[in-house]
Amino acid sequence: MPMFITLYQWTDQGARNVKGSPDRVAATIEAAEAAGMKIHGIWLTMGEYDLVSVSETPDDATAAAFVLGLAAQGNVRTRTMKAFTVEEFAEIVKKIP
């Protein structure tokens, strides 16, 4: 399954409602798993981004739909990056002409 790293920033709404964030994170994990995703972890971070997650999804469209749904709730903005394992990276490098 494709792997993704997602960086989250709270919106003004999300910052005002930060005390509810742990419950929203738990609900997000449940919703992701119901969508066929596997969440490897979600971490609170310090710096430019407030949270980071690592997940696997059945396909790219599932990942895109999921983060769009999160953004539509209004509590976070996301930046999502497709990630490749070391083995996938080795196969990609072999394709360099």
Protein backbone atom coordinates (compact mmCIF):
# COMPACT_ATOMS: atom_id res chain seq x y z
CA MET A 1 0.00 0.00 0.00
CA PRO A 2 1.23 3.53 -0.69
CA MET A 3 2.68 5.28 2.33
CA PHE A 4 2.17 8.95 3.21
CA ILE A 5 3.57 11.45 5.67
CA THR A 6 1.13 14.22 6.54
CA LEU A 7 2.04 17.45 8.30
CA TYR A 8 -0.75 19.30 10.09
CA GLN A 9 -1.14 22.92 11.16
CA TRP A 10 -4.01 24.01 13.33
CA THR A 11 -6.24 26.67 11.85
CA ASP A 12 -7.51 29.46 14.12
CA GLN A 13 -10.57 27.27 14.74
CA GLY A 14 -8.39 24.27 15.58
CA ALA A 15 -6.24 26.31 17.96
CA ARG A 16 -9.34 27.63 19.76
CA ASN A 17 -10.55 24.04 20.12
CA VAL A 18 -7.17 22.48 20.92
CA LYS A 19 -8.47 20.77 24.07
CA GLY A 20 -10.69 18.63 21.84
CA SER A 21 -7.78 17.60 19.62
CA PRO A 22 -7.07 14.26 21.33
CA ASP A 23 -10.67 13.20 20.75
CA ARG A 24 -10.51 14.38 17.13
CA VAL A 25 -7.26 12.44 16.62
CA ALA A 26 -8.91 9.28 17.98
CA ALA A 27 -11.90 9.83 15.67
CA THR A 28 -9.53 10.41 12.74
CA ILE A 29 -7.76 7.11 13.39
CA GLU A 30 -11.10 5.28 13.52
CA ALA A 31 -12.29 6.92 10.29
CA ALA A 32 -8.99 6.16 8.55
CA GLU A 33 -9.15 2.51 9.51
CA ALA A 34 -12.78 2.32 8.34
CA ALA A 35 -11.58 3.69 4.97
CA GLY A 36 -9.02 0.86 4.70
CA MET A 37 -6.06 2.94 5.81
CA LYS A 38 -3.43 1.95 8.36
CA ILE A 39 -2.22 4.69 10.68
CA HIS A 40 1.31 3.98 11.89
CA GLY A 41 1.26 6.93 14.24
CA ILE A 42 0.19 10.51 14.87
CA TRP A 43 2.51 12.72 16.92
CA LEU A 44 2.25 16.18 18.45
CA THR A 45 5.24 18.19 17.25
CA MET A 46 6.82 21.52 18.10
CA GLY A 47 7.77 23.99 15.41
CA GLU A 48 6.16 24.91 12.10
CA TYR A 49 3.77 21.95 12.19
CA ASP A 50 1.56 20.91 15.09
CA LEU A 51 1.08 17.24 14.26
CA VAL A 52 2.60 14.66 11.94
CA SER A 53 1.23 11.30 10.86
CA VAL A 54 2.50 8.30 8.96
CA SER A 55 -0.11 6.21 7.18
CA GLU A 56 -0.67 3.64 4.46
CA THR A 57 -3.67 3.82 2.14
CA PRO A 58 -5.12 1.44 -0.45
CA ASP A 59 -4.37 4.03 -3.17
CA ASP A 60 -3.53 7.68 -3.79
CA ALA A 61 -7.18 8.68 -4.26
CA THR A 62 -8.08 7.37 -0.80
CA ALA A 63 -5.29 9.45 0.74
CA ALA A 64 -6.39 12.57 -1.16
CA ALA A 65 -10.05 12.14 -0.22
CA PHE A 66 -9.15 11.58 3.41
CA VAL A 67 -7.03 14.71 3.86
CA LEU A 68 -9.58 16.78 1.92
CA GLY A 69 -12.22 15.57 4.36
CA LEU A 70 -10.04 16.58 7.30
CA ALA A 71 -9.46 20.03 5.82
CA ALA A 72 -13.21 20.47 5.24
CA GLN A 73 -13.79 20.14 9.00
CA GLY A 74 -11.87 23.39 9.44
CA ASN A 75 -9.51 22.47 12.28
CA VAL A 76 -6.33 21.73 10.33
CA ARG A 77 -4.45 22.48 7.14
CA THR A 78 -2.41 19.60 5.76
CA ARG A 79 0.64 18.95 3.64
CA THR A 80 0.81 15.37 2.47
CA MET A 81 3.86 13.71 0.96
CA LYS A 82 3.97 10.30 -0.66
CA ALA A 83 6.73 8.26 0.94
CA PHE A 84 8.72 5.35 -0.46
CA THR A 85 10.42 2.55 1.45
CA VAL A 86 14.13 1.98 1.02
CA GLU A 87 13.31 -1.02 -1.20
CA GLU A 88 11.00 1.08 -3.38
CA PHE A 89 13.67 3.77 -3.55
CA ALA A 90 16.21 1.20 -4.78
CA GLU A 91 13.82 0.14 -7.57
CA ILE A 92 13.20 3.78 -8.53
CA VAL A 93 16.92 4.47 -8.74
CA LYS A 94 17.37 1.50 -11.09
CA LYS A 95 15.08 3.27 -13.58
CA ILE A 96 17.39 6.29 -13.89
CA PRO A 97 18.76 6.32 -17.45
